[in-house]
């Protein structure tokens, strides 16, 4: 190599190392928890809130939940709170970020949903009660840079992936881009 080519190669190598180090050291932005549709917050355990029961006349009603509710699963013992047992196999709506299960995936029938961008990829994965294994009936275009809303039936399971263990599975029939109006709903 000539002197200039070696110097350019060292500059590019240094630049790549700086970018990679920066990507690994930057803490991902935390997605604020969505506020439950009714009531403003659900208790971590105990009885199911009467407002939640009153606003879900049938098991097909869609219930907007937040990541706080999912945290009530004790992933070490597998014990779910009363609220989680109430929500099991019901249709829920939840915002989050997509983690594709294959590199450079643009369309998928399955992926992980996590509460903040970058989870599982550059950092240790979130605990199982903060990861959802999502399955869909058909290939769908996915955006793993922006938050999305997912809608479908949720259940408590253990799903092992290369990115960690998910404590939930959702059979999702709707994925929509999260609309940012300056605050979470």
N, C-alpha and C. Protein backbone atom coordinates (compact mmCIF):
# COMPACT_ATOMS: atom_id res chain seq x y z
N UNK A 1 0.83 -1.19 0.00
CA UNK A 1 0.00 0.00 0.00
C UNK A 1 0.88 1.24 0.00
N UNK A 2 0.37 2.23 -0.64
CA UNK A 2 1.09 3.50 -0.61
C UNK A 2 0.82 4.19 0.72
N UNK A 3 1.61 5.20 1.04
CA UNK A 3 1.47 5.92 2.30
C UNK A 3 0.09 6.56 2.46
N UNK A 4 -0.40 7.17 1.38
CA UNK A 4 -1.70 7.85 1.45
C UNK A 4 -2.82 6.85 1.65
N UNK A 5 -2.77 5.71 0.95
CA UNK A 5 -3.79 4.69 1.07
C UNK A 5 -3.82 4.10 2.47
N UNK A 6 -2.62 3.87 3.07
CA UNK A 6 -2.55 3.37 4.44
C UNK A 6 -3.17 4.37 5.41
N UNK A 7 -2.85 5.65 5.20
CA UNK A 7 -3.37 6.70 6.07
C UNK A 7 -4.90 6.77 5.94
N UNK A 8 -5.43 6.70 4.71
CA UNK A 8 -6.88 6.73 4.51
C UNK A 8 -7.54 5.51 5.15
N UNK A 9 -6.88 4.37 5.05
CA UNK A 9 -7.40 3.14 5.64
C UNK A 9 -7.46 3.27 7.16
N UNK A 10 -6.42 3.85 7.77
CA UNK A 10 -6.41 4.05 9.22
C UNK A 10 -7.49 5.04 9.65
N UNK A 11 -7.70 6.08 8.87
CA UNK A 11 -8.73 7.07 9.20
C UNK A 11 -10.10 6.40 9.15
N UNK A 12 -10.37 5.63 8.11
CA UNK A 12 -11.66 4.95 7.99
C UNK A 12 -11.84 3.93 9.12
N UNK A 13 -10.78 3.20 9.44
CA UNK A 13 -10.85 2.23 10.54
C UNK A 13 -11.17 2.93 11.85
N UNK A 14 -10.51 4.05 12.10
CA UNK A 14 -10.74 4.81 13.32
C UNK A 14 -12.18 5.33 13.35
N UNK A 15 -12.65 5.86 12.23
CA UNK A 15 -14.01 6.39 12.14
C UNK A 15 -15.04 5.29 12.41
N UNK A 16 -14.84 4.11 11.84
CA UNK A 16 -15.76 3.00 12.08
C UNK A 16 -15.75 2.61 13.55
N UNK A 17 -14.57 2.56 14.18
CA UNK A 17 -14.50 2.23 15.61
C UNK A 17 -15.23 3.26 16.46
N UNK A 18 -15.10 4.54 16.13
CA UNK A 18 -15.76 5.60 16.88
C UNK A 18 -17.28 5.46 16.75
N UNK A 19 -17.76 5.21 15.53
CA UNK A 19 -19.19 5.08 15.31
C UNK A 19 -19.74 3.86 16.06
N UNK A 20 -19.06 2.73 15.96
CA UNK A 20 -19.51 1.51 16.64
C UNK A 20 -19.48 1.72 18.15
N UNK A 21 -18.43 2.32 18.67
CA UNK A 21 -18.35 2.57 20.11
C UNK A 21 -19.47 3.51 20.55
N UNK A 22 -19.76 4.50 19.74
CA UNK A 22 -20.84 5.42 20.05
C UNK A 22 -22.19 4.73 20.06
N UNK A 23 -22.42 3.84 19.10
CA UNK A 23 -23.68 3.11 19.03
C UNK A 23 -23.84 2.21 20.25
N UNK A 24 -22.77 1.61 20.69
CA UNK A 24 -22.85 0.68 21.81
C UNK A 24 -22.94 1.40 23.15
N UNK A 25 -22.46 2.62 23.22
CA UNK A 25 -22.46 3.31 24.50
C UNK A 25 -23.66 4.23 24.68
N UNK A 26 -24.38 4.52 23.62
CA UNK A 26 -25.54 5.39 23.74
C UNK A 26 -26.69 4.59 24.32
N UNK A 27 -27.26 5.10 25.35
CA UNK A 27 -28.39 4.43 25.98
C UNK A 27 -29.62 4.71 25.13
N UNK A 28 -30.39 3.68 24.79
CA UNK A 28 -31.56 3.91 23.95
C UNK A 28 -32.61 4.75 24.66
N UNK A 29 -33.35 5.49 23.87
CA UNK A 29 -34.41 6.31 24.44
C UNK A 29 -35.51 5.40 24.97
N UNK A 30 -35.99 5.69 26.11
CA UNK A 30 -37.04 4.89 26.73
C UNK A 30 -38.38 5.35 26.20
N UNK A 31 -39.18 4.40 25.78
CA UNK A 31 -40.53 4.72 25.33
C UNK A 31 -41.38 4.94 26.57
N UNK A 32 -42.01 6.09 26.69
CA UNK A 32 -42.88 6.29 27.86
C UNK A 32 -44.00 5.26 27.84
N UNK A 33 -44.42 4.83 29.02
CA UNK A 33 -45.51 3.87 29.08
C UNK A 33 -46.79 4.51 28.60
N UNK A 34 -47.52 3.78 27.79
CA UNK A 34 -48.82 4.27 27.34
C UNK A 34 -49.77 4.24 28.53
N UNK A 35 -50.66 5.14 28.55
CA UNK A 35 -51.62 5.19 29.63
C UNK A 35 -52.78 4.27 29.27
N UNK A 36 -53.20 3.46 30.19
CA UNK A 36 -54.30 2.53 29.93
C UNK A 36 -55.56 3.32 29.58
N UNK A 37 -56.38 2.77 28.71
CA UNK A 37 -57.57 3.45 28.23
C UNK A 37 -58.51 3.80 29.38
N UNK A 38 -58.68 2.91 30.30
CA UNK A 38 -59.47 3.16 31.49
C UNK A 38 -58.98 2.19 32.52
N UNK A 39 -58.76 2.34 33.58
CA UNK A 39 -58.45 3.46 34.44
C UNK A 39 -57.08 4.04 34.12
N UNK A 40 -56.70 5.07 34.85
CA UNK A 40 -55.42 5.70 34.57
C UNK A 40 -54.25 4.81 34.88
N UNK A 41 -54.35 3.94 35.86
CA UNK A 41 -53.29 2.98 36.13
C UNK A 41 -53.91 1.74 36.76
N UNK A 42 -53.29 0.60 36.50
CA UNK A 42 -53.78 -0.64 37.05
C UNK A 42 -52.87 -1.11 38.16
N UNK A 43 -53.43 -1.72 39.18
CA UNK A 43 -52.58 -2.20 40.26
C UNK A 43 -51.72 -3.36 39.80
N UNK A 44 -50.52 -3.53 40.37
CA UNK A 44 -49.65 -4.59 39.94
C UNK A 44 -50.18 -5.98 40.25
N UNK A 45 -50.99 -6.12 41.26
CA UNK A 45 -51.54 -7.42 41.58
C UNK A 45 -52.82 -7.21 42.37
N UNK A 46 -53.43 -8.29 42.79
CA UNK A 46 -54.68 -8.18 43.52
C UNK A 46 -55.84 -8.35 42.57
N UNK A 47 -56.97 -7.78 42.93
CA UNK A 47 -58.16 -7.97 42.10
C UNK A 47 -58.08 -7.13 40.84
N UNK A 48 -58.81 -7.56 39.83
CA UNK A 48 -58.87 -6.82 38.57
C UNK A 48 -59.69 -5.56 38.80
N UNK A 49 -59.21 -4.40 38.36
CA UNK A 49 -59.95 -3.16 38.57
C UNK A 49 -61.35 -3.22 37.98
N UNK A 50 -62.33 -2.72 38.72
CA UNK A 50 -63.72 -2.77 38.25
C UNK A 50 -63.92 -1.93 37.00
N UNK A 51 -63.15 -0.83 36.86
CA UNK A 51 -63.28 -0.01 35.65
C UNK A 51 -62.86 -0.79 34.41
N UNK A 52 -61.82 -1.62 34.55
CA UNK A 52 -61.36 -2.42 33.41
C UNK A 52 -62.41 -3.44 33.02
N UNK A 53 -63.00 -4.09 34.00
CA UNK A 53 -64.05 -5.07 33.73
C UNK A 53 -65.26 -4.39 33.11
N UNK A 54 -65.65 -3.22 33.64
CA UNK A 54 -66.83 -2.51 33.14
C UNK A 54 -66.66 -2.05 31.71
N UNK A 55 -65.42 -1.70 31.31
CA UNK A 55 -65.19 -1.20 29.95
C UNK A 55 -64.86 -2.30 28.95
N UNK A 56 -64.98 -3.53 29.35
CA UNK A 56 -64.74 -4.64 28.43
C UNK A 56 -65.94 -5.57 28.50
N UNK A 57 -66.99 -5.17 27.80
CA UNK A 57 -68.23 -5.92 27.83
C UNK A 57 -68.06 -7.33 27.27
N UNK A 58 -67.19 -7.47 26.29
CA UNK A 58 -66.98 -8.80 25.71
C UNK A 58 -65.50 -9.06 25.53
N UNK A 59 -65.11 -10.32 25.40
CA UNK A 59 -63.69 -10.65 25.21
C UNK A 59 -63.11 -10.12 23.89
N UNK A 60 -63.96 -9.66 22.97
CA UNK A 60 -63.44 -9.14 21.70
C UNK A 60 -63.13 -7.65 21.75
N UNK A 61 -63.52 -6.96 22.83
CA UNK A 61 -63.18 -5.54 22.96
C UNK A 61 -61.66 -5.39 23.04
N UNK A 62 -61.14 -4.33 22.43
CA UNK A 62 -59.70 -4.06 22.47
C UNK A 62 -59.40 -3.19 23.69
N UNK A 63 -58.45 -3.63 24.50
CA UNK A 63 -58.07 -2.93 25.72
C UNK A 63 -56.67 -2.36 25.53
N UNK A 64 -56.51 -1.05 25.67
CA UNK A 64 -55.19 -0.43 25.58
C UNK A 64 -54.48 -0.65 26.91
N UNK A 65 -53.29 -1.24 26.83
CA UNK A 65 -52.51 -1.51 28.04
C UNK A 65 -51.15 -0.83 27.93
N UNK A 66 -50.42 -0.86 29.04
CA UNK A 66 -49.07 -0.31 29.02
C UNK A 66 -48.09 -1.36 29.52
N UNK A 67 -46.81 -1.04 29.44
CA UNK A 67 -45.76 -1.98 29.82
C UNK A 67 -45.75 -2.24 31.33
N UNK A 68 -46.31 -1.32 32.12
CA UNK A 68 -46.38 -1.53 33.57
C UNK A 68 -47.21 -2.78 33.89
N UNK A 69 -48.27 -2.98 33.16
CA UNK A 69 -49.11 -4.16 33.38
C UNK A 69 -48.32 -5.42 33.10
N UNK A 70 -47.52 -5.41 32.04
CA UNK A 70 -46.74 -6.60 31.69
C UNK A 70 -45.67 -6.89 32.73
N UNK A 71 -45.19 -5.86 33.42
CA UNK A 71 -44.17 -6.05 34.46
C UNK A 71 -44.70 -6.84 35.66
N UNK A 72 -46.02 -6.98 35.75
CA UNK A 72 -46.58 -7.68 36.91
C UNK A 72 -46.41 -9.20 36.82
N UNK A 73 -45.90 -9.70 35.72
CA UNK A 73 -45.58 -11.13 35.60
C UNK A 73 -44.27 -11.39 36.33
N UNK A 74 -44.28 -12.30 37.29
CA UNK A 74 -43.05 -12.71 37.95
C UNK A 74 -42.41 -13.76 37.06
N UNK A 75 -41.44 -13.36 36.25
CA UNK A 75 -40.88 -14.27 35.26
C UNK A 75 -40.03 -15.37 35.89
N UNK A 76 -39.62 -15.20 37.12
CA UNK A 76 -38.84 -16.26 37.78
C UNK A 76 -39.73 -17.44 38.18
N UNK A 77 -40.95 -17.12 38.64
CA UNK A 77 -41.87 -18.18 39.07
C UNK A 77 -42.95 -18.47 38.03
N UNK A 78 -43.16 -17.54 37.11
CA UNK A 78 -44.23 -17.70 36.11
C UNK A 78 -45.59 -17.27 36.63
N UNK A 79 -45.63 -16.70 37.83
CA UNK A 79 -46.90 -16.28 38.42
C UNK A 79 -47.37 -14.96 37.82
N UNK A 80 -48.60 -14.97 37.31
CA UNK A 80 -49.20 -13.78 36.70
C UNK A 80 -50.15 -13.13 37.70
N UNK A 81 -50.25 -11.80 37.62
CA UNK A 81 -51.17 -11.06 38.48
C UNK A 81 -52.61 -11.34 38.02
N UNK A 82 -53.56 -10.94 38.85
CA UNK A 82 -54.97 -11.09 38.49
C UNK A 82 -55.29 -10.31 37.22
N UNK A 83 -54.70 -9.14 37.08
CA UNK A 83 -54.93 -8.32 35.89
C UNK A 83 -54.44 -9.05 34.64
N UNK A 84 -53.25 -9.66 34.71
CA UNK A 84 -52.74 -10.41 33.56
C UNK A 84 -53.61 -11.62 33.25
N UNK A 85 -54.06 -12.31 34.28
CA UNK A 85 -54.94 -13.46 34.04
C UNK A 85 -56.24 -13.01 33.39
N UNK A 86 -56.75 -11.83 33.79
CA UNK A 86 -57.95 -11.28 33.17
C UNK A 86 -57.72 -10.97 31.69
N UNK A 87 -56.53 -10.45 31.37
CA UNK A 87 -56.23 -10.05 29.99
C UNK A 87 -55.85 -11.23 29.09
N UNK A 88 -55.49 -12.36 29.69
CA UNK A 88 -55.04 -13.53 28.91
C UNK A 88 -56.07 -13.89 27.84
N UNK A 89 -55.58 -14.00 26.59
CA UNK A 89 -56.35 -14.37 25.39
C UNK A 89 -57.39 -13.33 25.00
N UNK A 90 -57.33 -12.15 25.61
CA UNK A 90 -58.19 -11.03 25.18
C UNK A 90 -57.40 -10.17 24.21
N UNK A 91 -58.13 -9.35 23.47
CA UNK A 91 -57.49 -8.45 22.52
C UNK A 91 -56.99 -7.20 23.25
N UNK A 92 -55.69 -6.93 23.08
CA UNK A 92 -55.09 -5.75 23.69
C UNK A 92 -54.37 -4.94 22.63
N UNK A 93 -54.11 -3.71 22.98
CA UNK A 93 -53.38 -2.77 22.11
C UNK A 93 -52.23 -2.23 22.93
N UNK A 94 -51.02 -2.22 22.32
CA UNK A 94 -49.82 -1.84 23.06
C UNK A 94 -48.81 -1.19 22.12
N UNK A 95 -48.17 -0.08 22.53
CA UNK A 95 -47.13 0.52 21.70
C UNK A 95 -45.77 -0.09 22.04
N UNK A 96 -44.86 -0.03 21.09
CA UNK A 96 -43.51 -0.51 21.35
C UNK A 96 -42.65 -0.46 20.11
N UNK A 97 -41.47 -1.06 20.20
CA UNK A 97 -40.53 -1.10 19.09
C UNK A 97 -40.33 -2.54 18.64
N UNK A 98 -40.17 -2.71 17.34
CA UNK A 98 -39.99 -4.03 16.74
C UNK A 98 -38.52 -4.41 16.74
N UNK A 99 -38.26 -5.66 17.10
CA UNK A 99 -36.92 -6.25 16.95
C UNK A 99 -37.09 -7.42 15.99
N UNK A 100 -36.59 -7.26 14.74
CA UNK A 100 -36.72 -8.37 13.78
C UNK A 100 -35.94 -9.59 14.26
N UNK A 101 -36.45 -10.76 13.96
CA UNK A 101 -35.77 -11.99 14.37
C UNK A 101 -34.71 -12.42 13.37
N UNK A 102 -34.66 -11.75 12.22
CA UNK A 102 -33.61 -11.99 11.23
C UNK A 102 -32.99 -10.65 10.87
N UNK A 103 -31.71 -10.66 10.51
CA UNK A 103 -31.02 -9.43 10.15
C UNK A 103 -31.64 -8.78 8.91
N UNK A 104 -31.71 -7.47 8.92
CA UNK A 104 -32.13 -6.65 7.79
C UNK A 104 -33.51 -7.05 7.26
N UNK A 105 -34.38 -7.44 8.14
CA UNK A 105 -35.71 -7.89 7.78
C UNK A 105 -36.60 -6.68 7.51
N UNK A 106 -37.29 -6.67 6.36
CA UNK A 106 -38.21 -5.59 6.03
C UNK A 106 -39.66 -6.05 6.09
N UNK A 107 -39.87 -7.34 5.92
CA UNK A 107 -41.20 -7.93 6.02
C UNK A 107 -41.10 -9.12 6.97
N UNK A 108 -42.16 -9.36 7.74
CA UNK A 108 -42.07 -10.44 8.71
C UNK A 108 -43.45 -10.98 9.06
N UNK A 109 -43.46 -12.24 9.49
CA UNK A 109 -44.65 -12.85 10.08
C UNK A 109 -44.46 -13.00 11.59
N UNK A 110 -43.23 -12.79 12.05
CA UNK A 110 -42.94 -12.87 13.48
C UNK A 110 -41.80 -11.93 13.83
N UNK A 111 -41.88 -11.37 15.05
CA UNK A 111 -40.84 -10.46 15.54
C UNK A 111 -41.03 -10.31 17.05
N UNK A 112 -40.13 -9.59 17.69
CA UNK A 112 -40.27 -9.27 19.10
C UNK A 112 -40.72 -7.83 19.24
N UNK A 113 -41.52 -7.54 20.25
CA UNK A 113 -41.90 -6.17 20.58
C UNK A 113 -41.30 -5.85 21.94
N UNK A 114 -40.65 -4.70 22.04
CA UNK A 114 -39.98 -4.28 23.28
C UNK A 114 -40.38 -2.84 23.59
N UNK A 115 -40.20 -2.39 24.85
CA UNK A 115 -40.66 -1.06 25.23
C UNK A 115 -39.78 0.11 24.81
N UNK A 116 -38.55 -0.15 24.38
CA UNK A 116 -37.69 0.96 23.97
C UNK A 116 -36.81 0.54 22.80
N UNK A 117 -36.39 1.53 22.02
CA UNK A 117 -35.59 1.29 20.83
C UNK A 117 -34.21 0.75 21.21
N UNK A 118 -33.74 -0.23 20.47
CA UNK A 118 -32.40 -0.77 20.67
C UNK A 118 -32.33 -1.91 21.65
N UNK A 119 -33.43 -2.24 22.30
CA UNK A 119 -33.42 -3.35 23.26
C UNK A 119 -33.03 -4.62 22.53
N UNK A 120 -32.26 -5.45 23.15
CA UNK A 120 -31.84 -6.77 22.65
C UNK A 120 -30.67 -6.72 21.67
N UNK A 121 -30.47 -5.64 20.99
CA UNK A 121 -29.47 -5.63 19.93
C UNK A 121 -28.10 -5.25 20.45
N UNK A 122 -27.96 -4.10 21.11
CA UNK A 122 -26.66 -3.64 21.58
C UNK A 122 -26.50 -3.75 23.09
N UNK A 123 -27.57 -4.09 23.78
CA UNK A 123 -27.55 -4.15 25.23
C UNK A 123 -28.04 -5.51 25.68
N UNK A 124 -27.85 -5.84 26.95
CA UNK A 124 -28.50 -7.06 27.43
C UNK A 124 -30.01 -6.93 27.20
N UNK A 125 -30.68 -8.03 26.91
CA UNK A 125 -32.12 -7.94 26.63
C UNK A 125 -32.91 -7.54 27.86
N UNK A 126 -34.10 -6.98 27.63
CA UNK A 126 -34.98 -6.70 28.77
C UNK A 126 -35.40 -8.02 29.42
N UNK A 127 -35.95 -7.96 30.61
CA UNK A 127 -36.43 -9.20 31.23
C UNK A 127 -37.60 -9.76 30.42
N UNK A 128 -37.90 -11.05 30.59
CA UNK A 128 -38.98 -11.67 29.82
C UNK A 128 -40.33 -10.96 29.94
N UNK A 129 -40.59 -10.33 31.08
CA UNK A 129 -41.88 -9.66 31.22
C UNK A 129 -41.92 -8.31 30.49
N UNK A 130 -40.87 -8.01 29.74
CA UNK A 130 -40.83 -6.79 28.93
C UNK A 130 -40.53 -7.11 27.46
N UNK A 131 -40.79 -8.36 27.06
CA UNK A 131 -40.60 -8.76 25.66
C UNK A 131 -41.81 -9.59 25.23
N UNK A 132 -42.30 -9.31 24.04
CA UNK A 132 -43.45 -10.02 23.49
C UNK A 132 -43.04 -10.65 22.17
N UNK A 133 -43.29 -11.94 22.03
CA UNK A 133 -43.10 -12.64 20.76
C UNK A 133 -44.38 -12.46 19.97
N UNK A 134 -44.28 -11.83 18.80
CA UNK A 134 -45.44 -11.48 17.99
C UNK A 134 -45.50 -12.39 16.76
N UNK A 135 -46.66 -12.97 16.51
CA UNK A 135 -46.89 -13.75 15.29
C UNK A 135 -48.05 -13.11 14.54
N UNK A 136 -47.96 -13.18 13.21
CA UNK A 136 -49.00 -12.63 12.35
C UNK A 136 -49.41 -13.67 11.32
N UNK A 137 -50.61 -13.53 10.78
CA UNK A 137 -51.09 -14.48 9.77
C UNK A 137 -50.40 -14.31 8.43
N UNK A 138 -49.97 -13.09 8.13
CA UNK A 138 -49.36 -12.83 6.82
C UNK A 138 -48.13 -11.94 6.98
N UNK A 139 -47.27 -12.00 5.98
CA UNK A 139 -46.11 -11.11 5.99
C UNK A 139 -46.58 -9.67 6.00
N UNK A 140 -45.95 -8.88 6.83
CA UNK A 140 -46.29 -7.46 6.94
C UNK A 140 -45.02 -6.65 6.88
N UNK A 141 -45.09 -5.51 6.23
CA UNK A 141 -43.94 -4.61 6.22
C UNK A 141 -43.74 -4.08 7.63
N UNK A 142 -42.51 -4.16 8.12
CA UNK A 142 -42.23 -3.71 9.48
C UNK A 142 -41.25 -2.54 9.47
N UNK A 143 -41.41 -1.68 10.43
CA UNK A 143 -40.51 -0.55 10.63
C UNK A 143 -39.89 -0.71 12.00
N UNK A 144 -38.62 -1.05 12.04
CA UNK A 144 -38.00 -1.26 13.35
C UNK A 144 -37.27 -0.03 13.84
N UNK A 145 -37.45 1.10 13.19
CA UNK A 145 -36.85 2.36 13.66
C UNK A 145 -37.84 3.20 14.44
N UNK A 146 -39.12 3.05 14.13
CA UNK A 146 -40.14 3.89 14.74
C UNK A 146 -41.09 3.05 15.59
N UNK A 147 -41.69 3.65 16.61
CA UNK A 147 -42.64 2.90 17.43
C UNK A 147 -43.90 2.55 16.64
N UNK A 148 -44.53 1.46 17.05
CA UNK A 148 -45.76 1.00 16.41
C UNK A 148 -46.78 0.64 17.48
N UNK A 149 -48.03 0.56 17.08
CA UNK A 149 -49.09 -0.02 17.89
C UNK A 149 -49.32 -1.42 17.37
N UNK A 150 -49.45 -2.39 18.26
CA UNK A 150 -49.86 -3.72 17.84
C UNK A 150 -51.17 -4.05 18.55
N UNK A 151 -51.98 -4.86 17.87
CA UNK A 151 -53.29 -5.21 18.39
C UNK A 151 -53.52 -6.70 18.18
N UNK A 152 -53.90 -7.40 19.23
CA UNK A 152 -54.17 -8.81 19.11
C UNK A 152 -54.34 -9.48 20.46
N UNK A 153 -54.50 -10.79 20.42
CA UNK A 153 -54.71 -11.57 21.65
C UNK A 153 -53.37 -11.86 22.31
N UNK A 154 -53.31 -11.63 23.62
CA UNK A 154 -52.07 -11.82 24.37
C UNK A 154 -52.17 -13.06 25.26
N UNK A 155 -51.05 -13.74 25.43
CA UNK A 155 -50.99 -14.85 26.37
C UNK A 155 -49.62 -14.92 27.01
N UNK A 156 -49.58 -15.46 28.21
CA UNK A 156 -48.33 -15.61 28.95
C UNK A 156 -47.70 -16.93 28.52
N UNK A 157 -46.48 -16.86 28.00
CA UNK A 157 -45.72 -18.04 27.56
C UNK A 157 -44.24 -17.76 27.78
N UNK A 158 -43.38 -18.71 27.49
CA UNK A 158 -41.94 -18.47 27.41
C UNK A 158 -41.51 -18.80 25.99
N UNK A 159 -40.94 -17.82 25.31
CA UNK A 159 -40.45 -18.02 23.95
C UNK A 159 -38.97 -17.64 23.92
N UNK A 160 -38.12 -18.59 23.57
CA UNK A 160 -36.68 -18.34 23.52
C UNK A 160 -36.29 -17.93 22.10
N UNK A 161 -35.57 -16.81 22.01
CA UNK A 161 -35.06 -16.35 20.73
C UNK A 161 -33.57 -16.03 20.89
N UNK A 162 -32.92 -15.68 19.80
CA UNK A 162 -31.51 -15.32 19.87
C UNK A 162 -31.31 -14.03 20.66
N UNK A 163 -32.37 -13.26 20.85
CA UNK A 163 -32.28 -11.98 21.56
C UNK A 163 -32.70 -12.07 23.02
N UNK A 164 -33.14 -13.23 23.46
CA UNK A 164 -33.56 -13.39 24.85
C UNK A 164 -34.87 -14.14 24.94
N UNK A 165 -35.40 -14.22 26.14
CA UNK A 165 -36.65 -14.94 26.39
C UNK A 165 -37.80 -13.94 26.49
N UNK A 166 -38.84 -14.18 25.72
CA UNK A 166 -40.04 -13.36 25.79
C UNK A 166 -41.03 -14.05 26.72
N UNK A 167 -41.67 -13.29 27.58
CA UNK A 167 -42.62 -13.84 28.53
C UNK A 167 -44.05 -13.86 28.01
N UNK A 168 -44.26 -13.29 26.82
CA UNK A 168 -45.60 -13.20 26.25
C UNK A 168 -45.57 -13.54 24.77
N UNK A 169 -46.73 -13.95 24.28
CA UNK A 169 -46.92 -14.10 22.83
C UNK A 169 -48.21 -13.36 22.49
N UNK A 170 -48.18 -12.68 21.36
CA UNK A 170 -49.39 -12.04 20.86
C UNK A 170 -49.62 -12.50 19.44
N UNK A 171 -50.82 -12.94 19.18
CA UNK A 171 -51.26 -13.23 17.81
C UNK A 171 -51.88 -11.93 17.32
N UNK A 172 -51.12 -11.22 16.51
CA UNK A 172 -51.46 -9.86 16.12
C UNK A 172 -52.13 -9.84 14.75
N UNK A 173 -53.20 -9.09 14.66
CA UNK A 173 -53.85 -8.93 13.37
C UNK A 173 -53.75 -7.50 12.85
N UNK A 174 -53.14 -6.63 13.65
CA UNK A 174 -53.01 -5.24 13.20
C UNK A 174 -51.75 -4.60 13.77
N UNK A 175 -50.93 -4.04 12.87
CA UNK A 175 -49.75 -3.26 13.25
C UNK A 175 -49.90 -1.91 12.57
N UNK A 176 -49.86 -0.85 13.35
CA UNK A 176 -49.98 0.50 12.78
C UNK A 176 -48.84 1.37 13.30
N UNK A 177 -48.47 2.32 12.48
CA UNK A 177 -47.43 3.27 12.87
C UNK A 177 -47.93 4.09 14.05
N UNK A 178 -47.09 4.30 15.02
CA UNK A 178 -47.48 5.11 16.17
C UNK A 178 -47.57 6.56 15.75
N UNK A 179 -48.69 7.18 16.00
CA UNK A 179 -48.88 8.59 15.69
C UNK A 179 -48.46 9.41 16.89
N UNK A 180 -47.48 10.29 16.70
CA UNK A 180 -46.97 11.10 17.80
C UNK A 180 -47.64 12.46 17.78
N UNK A 181 -48.47 12.69 18.78
CA UNK A 181 -49.13 14.00 18.90
C UNK A 181 -48.51 14.81 20.04
N UNK A 182 -47.27 14.47 20.38
CA UNK A 182 -46.59 15.20 21.43
C UNK A 182 -46.65 14.53 22.79
N UNK A 183 -47.54 13.59 22.95
CA UNK A 183 -47.62 12.86 24.20
C UNK A 183 -48.21 11.49 23.92
N UNK A 184 -47.92 10.56 24.81
CA UNK A 184 -48.52 9.24 24.70
C UNK A 184 -49.97 9.34 25.12
N UNK A 185 -50.82 8.51 24.50
CA UNK A 185 -52.27 8.61 24.78
C UNK A 185 -52.58 8.31 26.24
